[in-house]
C-alpha atoms as a PDB file:
ATOM      1  CA  MET A   1      -1.376-136.194 107.773  1.00  0.00           C
ATOM      2  CA  GLU A   2      -0.274-138.018 104.614  1.00  0.00           C
ATOM      3  CA  VAL A   3       0.255-135.829 101.560  1.00  0.00           C
ATOM      4  CA  SER A   4      -2.106-138.000  99.524  1.00  0.00           C
ATOM      5  CA  LEU A   5      -4.973-137.143 101.904  1.00  0.00           C
ATOM      6  CA  LEU A   6      -4.786-133.509 100.807  1.00  0.00           C
ATOM      7  CA  PHE A   7      -5.966-134.400  97.300  1.00  0.00           C
ATOM      8  CA  PRO A   8      -9.371-135.645  96.079  1.00  0.00           C
ATOM      9  CA  GLU A   9      -9.869-139.373  95.644  1.00  0.00           C
ATOM     10  CA  ALA A  10     -10.224-138.773  91.900  1.00  0.00           C
ATOM     11  CA  LEU A  11      -6.507-137.864  91.719  1.00  0.00           C
ATOM     12  CA  SER A  12      -3.632-140.180  92.495  1.00  0.00           C
ATOM     13  CA  LEU A  13      -0.602-138.671  94.234  1.00  0.00           C
ATOM     14  CA  PRO A  14       1.664-138.831  91.111  1.00  0.00           C
ATOM     15  CA  ILE A  15      -0.981-137.085  88.972  1.00  0.00           C
ATOM     16  CA  ALA A  16      -1.603-134.426  91.637  1.00  0.00           C
ATOM     17  CA  LEU A  17       2.138-133.688  91.926  1.00  0.00           C
ATOM     18  CA  THR A  18       2.444-133.558  88.134  1.00  0.00           C
ATOM     19  CA  LEU A  19      -0.376-131.008  87.969  1.00  0.00           C
ATOM     20  CA  LEU A  20       1.325-128.917  90.672  1.00  0.00           C
ATOM     21  CA  ALA A  21       4.436-128.749  88.495  1.00  0.00           C
ATOM     22  CA  CYS A  22       2.257-127.897  85.499  1.00  0.00           C
ATOM     23  CA  SER A  23       0.663-125.050  87.470  1.00  0.00           C
ATOM     24  CA  ALA A  24       4.074-123.496  88.083  1.00  0.00           C
ATOM     25  CA  LEU A  25       5.101-123.932  84.447  1.00  0.00           C
ATOM     26  CA  THR A  26       1.897-122.536  82.957  1.00  0.00           C
ATOM     27  CA  SER A  27       1.947-119.550  85.313  1.00  0.00           C
ATOM     28  CA  LEU A  28       5.524-118.871  84.233  1.00  0.00           C
ATOM     29  CA  ILE A  29       4.379-118.967  80.586  1.00  0.00           C
ATOM     30  CA  THR A  30       1.551-116.490  81.190  1.00  0.00           C
ATOM     31  CA  ALA A  31       3.738-114.110  83.206  1.00  0.00           C
ATOM     32  CA  THR A  32       6.472-114.189  80.563  1.00  0.00           C
ATOM     33  CA  LEU A  33       4.479-114.290  77.324  1.00  0.00           C
ATOM     34  CA  GLY A  34       1.271-112.611  78.506  1.00  0.00           C
ATOM     35  CA  ALA A  35      -1.113-115.482  77.772  1.00  0.00           C
ATOM     36  CA  GLY A  36      -1.332-119.182  76.999  1.00  0.00           C
ATOM     37  CA  GLY A  37      -0.707-120.750  80.387  1.00  0.00           C
ATOM     38  CA  GLY A  38      -4.348-120.881  81.451  1.00  0.00           C
ATOM     39  CA  VAL A  39      -5.483-122.691  78.306  1.00  0.00           C
ATOM     40  CA  LEU A  40      -2.530-125.091  78.492  1.00  0.00           C
ATOM     41  CA  LEU A  41      -3.389-125.902  82.112  1.00  0.00           C
ATOM     42  CA  LEU A  42      -7.018-126.469  81.110  1.00  0.00           C
ATOM     43  CA  VAL A  43      -5.899-128.979  78.465  1.00  0.00           C
ATOM     44  CA  LEU A  44      -3.692-130.828  80.957  1.00  0.00           C
ATOM     45  CA  MET A  45      -6.393-130.920  83.643  1.00  0.00           C
ATOM     46  CA  ALA A  46      -8.932-132.205  81.132  1.00  0.00           C
ATOM     47  CA  GLY A  47      -6.809-135.335  80.721  1.00  0.00           C
ATOM     48  CA  TRP A  48      -6.922-136.242  84.417  1.00  0.00           C
ATOM     49  CA  LEU A  49      -9.828-134.546  86.224  1.00  0.00           C
ATOM     50  CA  PRO A  50     -13.442-135.775  86.194  1.00  0.00           C
ATOM     51  CA  PRO A  51     -15.373-133.852  83.500  1.00  0.00           C
ATOM     52  CA  ALA A  52     -17.696-132.173  86.011  1.00  0.00           C
ATOM     53  CA  ALA A  53     -14.718-130.761  87.939  1.00  0.00           C
ATOM     54  CA  ILE A  54     -12.627-129.381  85.095  1.00  0.00           C
ATOM     55  CA  ILE A  55     -14.136-125.907  84.564  1.00  0.00           C
ATOM     56  CA  PRO A  56     -15.009-125.141  88.237  1.00  0.00           C
ATOM     57  CA  VAL A  57     -11.619-126.244  89.597  1.00  0.00           C
ATOM     58  CA  HIS A  58      -9.704-124.622  86.735  1.00  0.00           C
ATOM     59  CA  GLY A  59     -11.645-121.407  87.303  1.00  0.00           C
ATOM     60  CA  MET A  60     -10.695-121.242  90.973  1.00  0.00           C
ATOM     61  CA  ILE A  61      -7.044-122.027  90.246  1.00  0.00           C
ATOM     62  CA  GLN A  62      -6.968-119.310  87.594  1.00  0.00           C
ATOM     63  CA  LEU A  63      -8.613-116.884  89.997  1.00  0.00           C
ATOM     64  CA  GLY A  64      -5.823-117.389  92.526  1.00  0.00           C
ATOM     65  CA  SER A  65      -3.081-117.395  89.900  1.00  0.00           C
ATOM     66  CA  ASN A  66      -4.283-114.228  88.188  1.00  0.00           C
ATOM     67  CA  ALA A  67      -4.947-112.465  91.493  1.00  0.00           C
ATOM     68  CA  GLY A  68      -1.372-113.196  92.558  1.00  0.00           C
ATOM     69  CA  ARG A  69      -0.026-111.919  89.229  1.00  0.00           C
ATOM     70  CA  ALA A  70      -2.158-108.773  89.501  1.00  0.00           C
ATOM     71  CA  ALA A  71      -0.899-108.130  93.048  1.00  0.00           C
ATOM     72  CA  MET A  72       2.706-108.483  91.924  1.00  0.00           C
ATOM     73  CA  THR A  73       2.216-106.027  89.029  1.00  0.00           C
ATOM     74  CA  VAL A  74      -0.359-103.701  90.617  1.00  0.00           C
ATOM     75  CA  ARG A  75       1.463-100.491  89.668  1.00  0.00           C
ATOM     76  CA  HIS A  76       1.167-101.413  85.974  1.00  0.00           C
ATOM     77  CA  ILE A  77      -2.611-102.042  85.933  1.00  0.00           C
ATOM     78  CA  ASN A  78      -4.636 -99.881  83.539  1.00  0.00           C
ATOM     79  CA  TRP A  79      -7.401 -98.991  85.997  1.00  0.00           C
ATOM     80  CA  PRO A  80      -9.755 -97.191  83.553  1.00  0.00           C
ATOM     81  CA  VAL A  81      -9.929-100.439  81.540  1.00  0.00           C
ATOM     82  CA  ILE A  82     -10.660-102.481  84.674  1.00  0.00           C
ATOM     83  CA  ILE A  83     -13.356-100.050  85.820  1.00  0.00           C
ATOM     84  CA  ALA A  84     -15.111-100.502  82.468  1.00  0.00           C
ATOM     85  CA  PHE A  85     -14.494-104.274  82.471  1.00  0.00           C
ATOM     86  CA  ALA A  86     -15.907-105.046  85.928  1.00  0.00           C
ATOM     87  CA  PRO A  87     -19.627-104.327  85.276  1.00  0.00           C
ATOM     88  CA  GLY A  88     -19.521-106.492  82.144  1.00  0.00           C
ATOM     89  CA  VAL A  89     -18.321-109.442  84.221  1.00  0.00           C
ATOM     90  CA  LEU A  90     -21.385-109.140  86.446  1.00  0.00           C
ATOM     91  CA  VAL A  91     -23.809-108.846  83.529  1.00  0.00           C
ATOM     92  CA  GLY A  92     -22.254-111.727  81.556  1.00  0.00           C
ATOM     93  CA  THR A  93     -22.088-114.036  84.560  1.00  0.00           C
ATOM     94  CA  LEU A  94     -25.671-113.335  85.621  1.00  0.00           C
ATOM     95  CA  ALA A  95     -26.870-113.975  82.066  1.00  0.00           C
ATOM     96  CA  GLY A  96     -24.965-117.249  81.906  1.00  0.00           C
ATOM     97  CA  ALA A  97     -26.199-118.400  85.323  1.00  0.00           C
ATOM     98  CA  TRP A  98     -29.779-117.523  84.376  1.00  0.00           C
ATOM     99  CA  LEU A  99     -29.741-119.321  81.035  1.00  0.00           C
ATOM    100  CA  LEU A 100     -27.664-122.378  82.070  1.00  0.00           C
ATOM    101  CA  VAL A 101     -27.824-123.700  78.520  1.00  0.00           C
ATOM    102  CA  ASP A 102     -25.657-126.302  76.844  1.00  0.00           C
ATOM    103  CA  LEU A 103     -24.116-124.105  74.168  1.00  0.00           C
ATOM    104  CA  PRO A 104     -22.702-125.733  71.005  1.00  0.00           C
ATOM    105  CA  GLU A 105     -19.021-125.575  71.870  1.00  0.00           C
ATOM    106  CA  PRO A 106     -17.647-125.664  68.274  1.00  0.00           C
ATOM    107  CA  VAL A 107     -19.556-122.476  67.448  1.00  0.00           C
ATOM    108  CA  TRP A 108     -18.003-120.599  70.365  1.00  0.00           C
ATOM    109  CA  GLN A 109     -14.577-122.059  69.677  1.00  0.00           C
ATOM    110  CA  LEU A 110     -14.656-120.789  66.086  1.00  0.00           C
ATOM    111  CA  ALA A 111     -16.024-117.419  67.156  1.00  0.00           C
ATOM    112  CA  VAL A 112     -13.318-116.923  69.800  1.00  0.00           C
ATOM    113  CA  ALA A 113     -10.588-118.110  67.393  1.00  0.00           C
ATOM    114  CA  GLY A 114     -11.812-115.774  64.658  1.00  0.00           C
ATOM    115  CA  PHE A 115     -11.824-112.733  66.914  1.00  0.00           C
ATOM    116  CA  VAL A 116      -8.396-113.564  68.332  1.00  0.00           C
ATOM    117  CA  LEU A 117      -6.853-113.913  64.863  1.00  0.00           C
ATOM    118  CA  TYR A 118      -8.490-110.680  63.731  1.00  0.00           C
ATOM    119  CA  LEU A 119      -7.269-108.752  66.773  1.00  0.00           C
ATOM    120  CA  CYS A 120      -3.739-110.102  66.299  1.00  0.00           C
ATOM    121  CA  TRP A 121      -3.332-109.790  62.544  1.00  0.00           C
ATOM    122  CA  GLY A 122      -6.267-107.803  61.122  1.00  0.00           C
ATOM    123  CA  PRO A 123      -6.551-104.055  60.669  1.00  0.00           C
ATOM    124  CA  PRO A 124      -6.821-102.116  63.936  1.00  0.00           C
ATOM    125  CA  LEU A 125     -10.308-101.665  65.316  1.00  0.00           C
ATOM    126  CA  PRO A 126     -11.579 -98.099  65.686  1.00  0.00           C
ATOM    127  CA  ARG A 127     -10.335 -96.527  68.897  1.00  0.00           C
ATOM    128  CA  ALA A 128     -13.954 -96.195  70.029  1.00  0.00           C
ATOM    129  CA  SER A 129     -14.092-100.001  70.244  1.00  0.00           C
ATOM    130  CA  PHE A 130     -11.688 -99.856  73.171  1.00  0.00           C
ATOM    131  CA  GLY A 131     -13.572 -97.203  75.091  1.00  0.00           C
ATOM    132  CA  SER A 132     -15.790 -97.834  78.088  1.00  0.00           C
ATOM    133  CA  VAL A 133     -18.710 -99.237  76.045  1.00  0.00           C
ATOM    134  CA  GLY A 134     -16.535-101.527  73.941  1.00  0.00           C
ATOM    135  CA  THR A 135     -14.686-102.835  76.989  1.00  0.00           C
ATOM    136  CA  PHE A 136     -17.985-103.425  78.812  1.00  0.00           C
ATOM    137  CA  LEU A 137     -19.415-105.406  75.876  1.00  0.00           C
ATOM    138  CA  ALA A 138     -16.233-107.481  75.486  1.00  0.00           C
ATOM    139  CA  SER A 139     -16.281-108.240  79.204  1.00  0.00           C
ATOM    140  CA  ALA A 140     -19.963-109.244  79.242  1.00  0.00           C
ATOM    141  CA  LEU A 141     -19.617-111.537  76.220  1.00  0.00           C
ATOM    142  CA  THR A 142     -16.460-113.305  77.374  1.00  0.00           C
ATOM    143  CA  SER A 143     -17.773-113.674  80.945  1.00  0.00           C
ATOM    144  CA  PHE A 144     -20.925-115.307  79.588  1.00  0.00           C
ATOM    145  CA  ILE A 145     -18.971-117.738  77.403  1.00  0.00           C
ATOM    146  CA  SER A 146     -16.430-118.618  80.102  1.00  0.00           C
ATOM    147  CA  LEU A 147     -19.081-120.331  82.239  1.00  0.00           C
ATOM    148  CA  PHE A 148     -19.583-122.933  79.513  1.00  0.00           C
ATOM    149  CA  VAL A 149     -16.357-123.390  77.575  1.00  0.00           C
ATOM    150  CA  GLY A 150     -13.598-121.903  79.757  1.00  0.00           C
ATOM    151  CA  ALA A 151     -11.593-120.772  76.718  1.00  0.00           C
ATOM    152  CA  THR A 152     -12.032-117.004  76.580  1.00  0.00           C
ATOM    153  CA  GLY A 153      -8.639-116.024  77.989  1.00  0.00           C
ATOM    154  CA  PRO A 154      -7.021-115.599  74.538  1.00  0.00           C
ATOM    155  CA  LEU A 155      -9.856-113.307  73.426  1.00  0.00           C
ATOM    156  CA  VAL A 156      -9.601-111.124  76.541  1.00  0.00           C
ATOM    157  CA  ALA A 157      -5.808-111.045  76.168  1.00  0.00           C
ATOM    158  CA  ALA A 158      -5.983-110.058  72.500  1.00  0.00           C
ATOM    159  CA  PHE A 159      -8.508-107.321  73.290  1.00  0.00           C
ATOM    160  CA  ILE A 160      -6.463-105.859  76.146  1.00  0.00           C
ATOM    161  CA  LYS A 161      -3.242-106.007  74.121  1.00  0.00           C
ATOM    162  CA  GLN A 162      -4.808-103.625  71.596  1.00  0.00           C
ATOM    163  CA  ILE A 163      -5.272-100.973  74.282  1.00  0.00           C
ATOM    164  CA  GLN A 164      -1.686-100.476  75.480  1.00  0.00           C
ATOM    165  CA  PRO A 165       1.718-101.424  74.013  1.00  0.00           C
ATOM    166  CA  ASP A 166       3.646-101.804  77.288  1.00  0.00           C
ATOM    167  CA  ARG A 167       4.308-105.455  78.133  1.00  0.00           C
ATOM    168  CA  PHE A 168       3.977-105.062  81.914  1.00  0.00           C
ATOM    169  CA  SER A 169       0.697-103.161  81.546  1.00  0.00           C
ATOM    170  CA  THR A 170      -0.630-105.893  79.259  1.00  0.00           C
ATOM    171  CA  VAL A 171       0.253-108.667  81.728  1.00  0.00           C
ATOM    172  CA  ALA A 172      -1.023-106.734  84.765  1.00  0.00           C
ATOM    173  CA  THR A 173      -4.309-105.578  83.208  1.00  0.00           C
ATOM    174  CA  PHE A 174      -5.024-109.017  81.717  1.00  0.00           C
ATOM    175  CA  ALA A 175      -4.384-110.691  85.086  1.00  0.00           C
ATOM    176  CA  THR A 176      -6.768-108.285  86.836  1.00  0.00           C
ATOM    177  CA  ALA A 177      -9.465-108.716  84.195  1.00  0.00           C
ATOM    178  CA  MET A 178      -9.277-112.504  84.409  1.00  0.00           C
ATOM    179  CA  SER A 179      -9.380-112.367  88.211  1.00  0.00           C
ATOM    180  CA  LEU A 180     -12.664-110.498  87.959  1.00  0.00           C
ATOM    181  CA  GLN A 181     -13.980-112.938  85.363  1.00  0.00           C
ATOM    182  CA  HIS A 182     -13.142-116.052  87.369  1.00  0.00           C
ATOM    183  CA  ALA A 183     -14.367-114.720  90.734  1.00  0.00           C
ATOM    184  CA  PRO A 184     -18.149-115.243  90.203  1.00  0.00           C
ATOM    185  CA  LYS A 185     -17.638-118.844  89.088  1.00  0.00           C
ATOM    186  CA  ALA A 186     -17.371-120.065  92.686  1.00  0.00           C
ATOM    187  CA  LEU A 187     -20.878-118.849  93.457  1.00  0.00           C
ATOM    188  CA  VAL A 188     -22.384-120.018  90.160  1.00  0.00           C
ATOM    189  CA  PHE A 189     -20.965-123.543  90.359  1.00  0.00           C
ATOM    190  CA  SER A 190     -21.699-123.822  94.085  1.00  0.00           C
ATOM    191  CA  LEU A 191     -25.343-123.027  93.402  1.00  0.00           C
ATOM    192  CA  ALA A 192     -25.245-125.590  90.603  1.00  0.00           C
ATOM    193  CA  GLY A 193     -24.178-128.253  93.122  1.00  0.00           C
ATOM    194  CA  PHE A 194     -20.402-128.517  92.713  1.00  0.00           C
ATOM    195  CA  VAL A 195     -18.700-129.432  96.014  1.00  0.00           C
ATOM    196  CA  PHE A 196     -15.694-127.105  96.251  1.00  0.00           C
ATOM    197  CA  PRO A 197     -14.544-128.143  99.784  1.00  0.00           C
ATOM    198  CA  ASP A 198     -13.542-131.570  98.449  1.00  0.00           C
ATOM    199  CA  TRP A 199     -11.123-129.874  96.051  1.00  0.00           C
ATOM    200  CA  LEU A 200     -10.008-126.935  98.208  1.00  0.00           C
ATOM    201  CA  PRO A 201      -6.609-128.307  99.394  1.00  0.00           C
ATOM    202  CA  PHE A 202      -5.705-129.208  95.807  1.00  0.00           C
ATOM    203  CA  ILE A 203      -6.824-125.784  94.523  1.00  0.00           C
ATOM    204  CA  LEU A 204      -4.780-123.966  97.176  1.00  0.00           C
ATOM    205  CA  ALA A 205      -1.711-126.093  96.420  1.00  0.00           C
ATOM    206  CA  MET A 206      -2.074-125.330  92.697  1.00  0.00           C
ATOM    207  CA  ILE A 207      -2.352-121.587  93.420  1.00  0.00           C
ATOM    208  CA  ILE A 208       0.793-121.605  95.581  1.00  0.00           C
ATOM    209  CA  SER A 209       2.684-123.517  92.910  1.00  0.00           C
ATOM    210  CA  GLY A 210       1.438-121.068  90.281  1.00  0.00           C
ATOM    211  CA  PHE A 211       2.598-118.125  92.379  1.00  0.00           C
ATOM    212  CA  ALA A 212       6.154-119.470  92.260  1.00  0.00           C
ATOM    213  CA  GLY A 213       5.936-119.765  88.475  1.00  0.00           C
ATOM    214  CA  THR A 214       4.592-116.220  88.207  1.00  0.00           C
ATOM    215  CA  TRP A 215       7.497-114.838  90.252  1.00  0.00           C
ATOM    216  CA  ILE A 216      10.021-116.465  87.908  1.00  0.00           C
ATOM    217  CA  GLY A 217       8.078-115.442  84.801  1.00  0.00           C
ATOM    218  CA  LEU A 218       7.891-111.760  85.756  1.00  0.00           C
ATOM    219  CA  HIS A 219      11.662-111.686  86.221  1.00  0.00           C
ATOM    220  CA  LEU A 220      12.079-113.217  82.749  1.00  0.00           C
ATOM    221  CA  LEU A 221       9.686-110.601  81.336  1.00  0.00           C
ATOM    222  CA  LYS A 222      12.170-107.867  82.256  1.00  0.00           C
ATOM    223  CA  SER A 223      14.589-109.245  79.670  1.00  0.00           C
ATOM    224  CA  PHE A 224      12.129-108.665  76.791  1.00  0.00           C
ATOM    225  CA  SER A 225      11.545-105.437  74.910  1.00  0.00           C
ATOM    226  CA  ASN A 226       7.970-104.377  74.183  1.00  0.00           C
ATOM    227  CA  ARG A 227       8.567-105.165  70.492  1.00  0.00           C
ATOM    228  CA  TRP A 228       9.670-108.742  71.151  1.00  0.00           C
ATOM    229  CA  PHE A 229       6.972-109.242  73.739  1.00  0.00           C
ATOM    230  CA  ASN A 230       4.264-108.189  71.251  1.00  0.00           C
ATOM    231  CA  ARG A 231       5.630-110.571  68.620  1.00  0.00           C
ATOM    232  CA  LEU A 232       5.708-113.504  71.023  1.00  0.00           C
ATOM    233  CA  PHE A 233       2.315-112.529  72.417  1.00  0.00           C
ATOM    234  CA  ASN A 234       0.741-112.598  68.940  1.00  0.00           C
ATOM    235  CA  LEU A 235       2.420-115.930  68.212  1.00  0.00           C
ATOM    236  CA  VAL A 236       1.092-117.528  71.404  1.00  0.00           C
ATOM    237  CA  LEU A 237      -2.438-116.233  70.787  1.00  0.00           C
ATOM    238  CA  THR A 238      -2.342-117.436  67.180  1.00  0.00           C
ATOM    239  CA  VAL A 239      -1.354-120.954  68.269  1.00  0.00           C
ATOM    240  CA  LEU A 240      -4.215-120.959  70.795  1.00  0.00           C
ATOM    241  CA  ALA A 241      -6.683-119.751  68.151  1.00  0.00           C
ATOM    242  CA  LEU A 242      -5.568-122.446  65.707  1.00  0.00           C
ATOM    243  CA  ARG A 243      -6.026-125.024  68.452  1.00  0.00           C
ATOM    244  CA  LEU A 244      -9.617-123.866  68.963  1.00  0.00           C
ATOM    245  CA  ILE A 245     -10.255-124.178  65.218  1.00  0.00           C
ATOM    246  CA  TRP A 246      -8.806-127.700  65.250  1.00  0.00           C
ATOM    247  CA  LEU A 247     -10.988-128.702  68.216  1.00  0.00           C
ATOM    248  CA  ALA A 248     -14.115-127.301  66.573  1.00  0.00           C
ATOM    249  CA  SER A 249     -13.322-129.115  63.323  1.00  0.00           C
ATOM    250  CA  ALA A 250     -12.712-132.377  65.169  1.00  0.00           C
ATOM    251  CA  ASP A 251     -16.066-132.072  66.962  1.00  0.00           C
ATOM    252  CA  TRP A 252     -17.949-131.540  63.723  1.00  0.00           C
ATOM    253  CA  LEU A 253     -16.138-134.331  61.867  1.00  0.00           C
ATOM    254  CA  ALA A 254     -16.645-136.834  64.705  1.00  0.00           C
END
């Protein structure tokens, strides 16, 4: 079988191979810096994939990538946080699937950016905000938004970073949380009519490529101290938040 037959007709072979390399690179970025790779991959895919395929396909790739990262760092996962996070994913996804509304994207972009900047640079939230109820509410809200805009990773990352200072725990818990958040998307978009089998070979190839990037990134993470990791983590999240503000401003000025 020719390699080109493994990819959808919407993608040429050079573009598909370029995206495979991008999957490895962005997974390396997320494993090393804690966040940023998923949003960067979303931006790159948006330039080449059909609009209707961007969020569903990206969601499945991120599911596989984050699941692989979580498996490789399983002993560092903060399980009490995940136990509180999981029910919120179900509630937020069901609410989003039930409403199926076309939300004004600039509003959500500004809201996500504002929360990310506050969590990175503002005064610490009360510890109660990071308890079971706070984690559940954060999970439900971001899961709801992710069905429509696919840009909630920085907010989840910033929230989880506030809970524990250890860099490996941050990466592992964030990967597990995002795996849970991306998992229901397959069902929601399948019910909405998206044909996943057409994209399955490409999705699997992207996940495998991302796994290689994750393996390299986790080895690079060992060379960082928690202090340097937190500084770089805040920097990456700030850049992503500023990008969301720029996108929202461009939409309103257009």
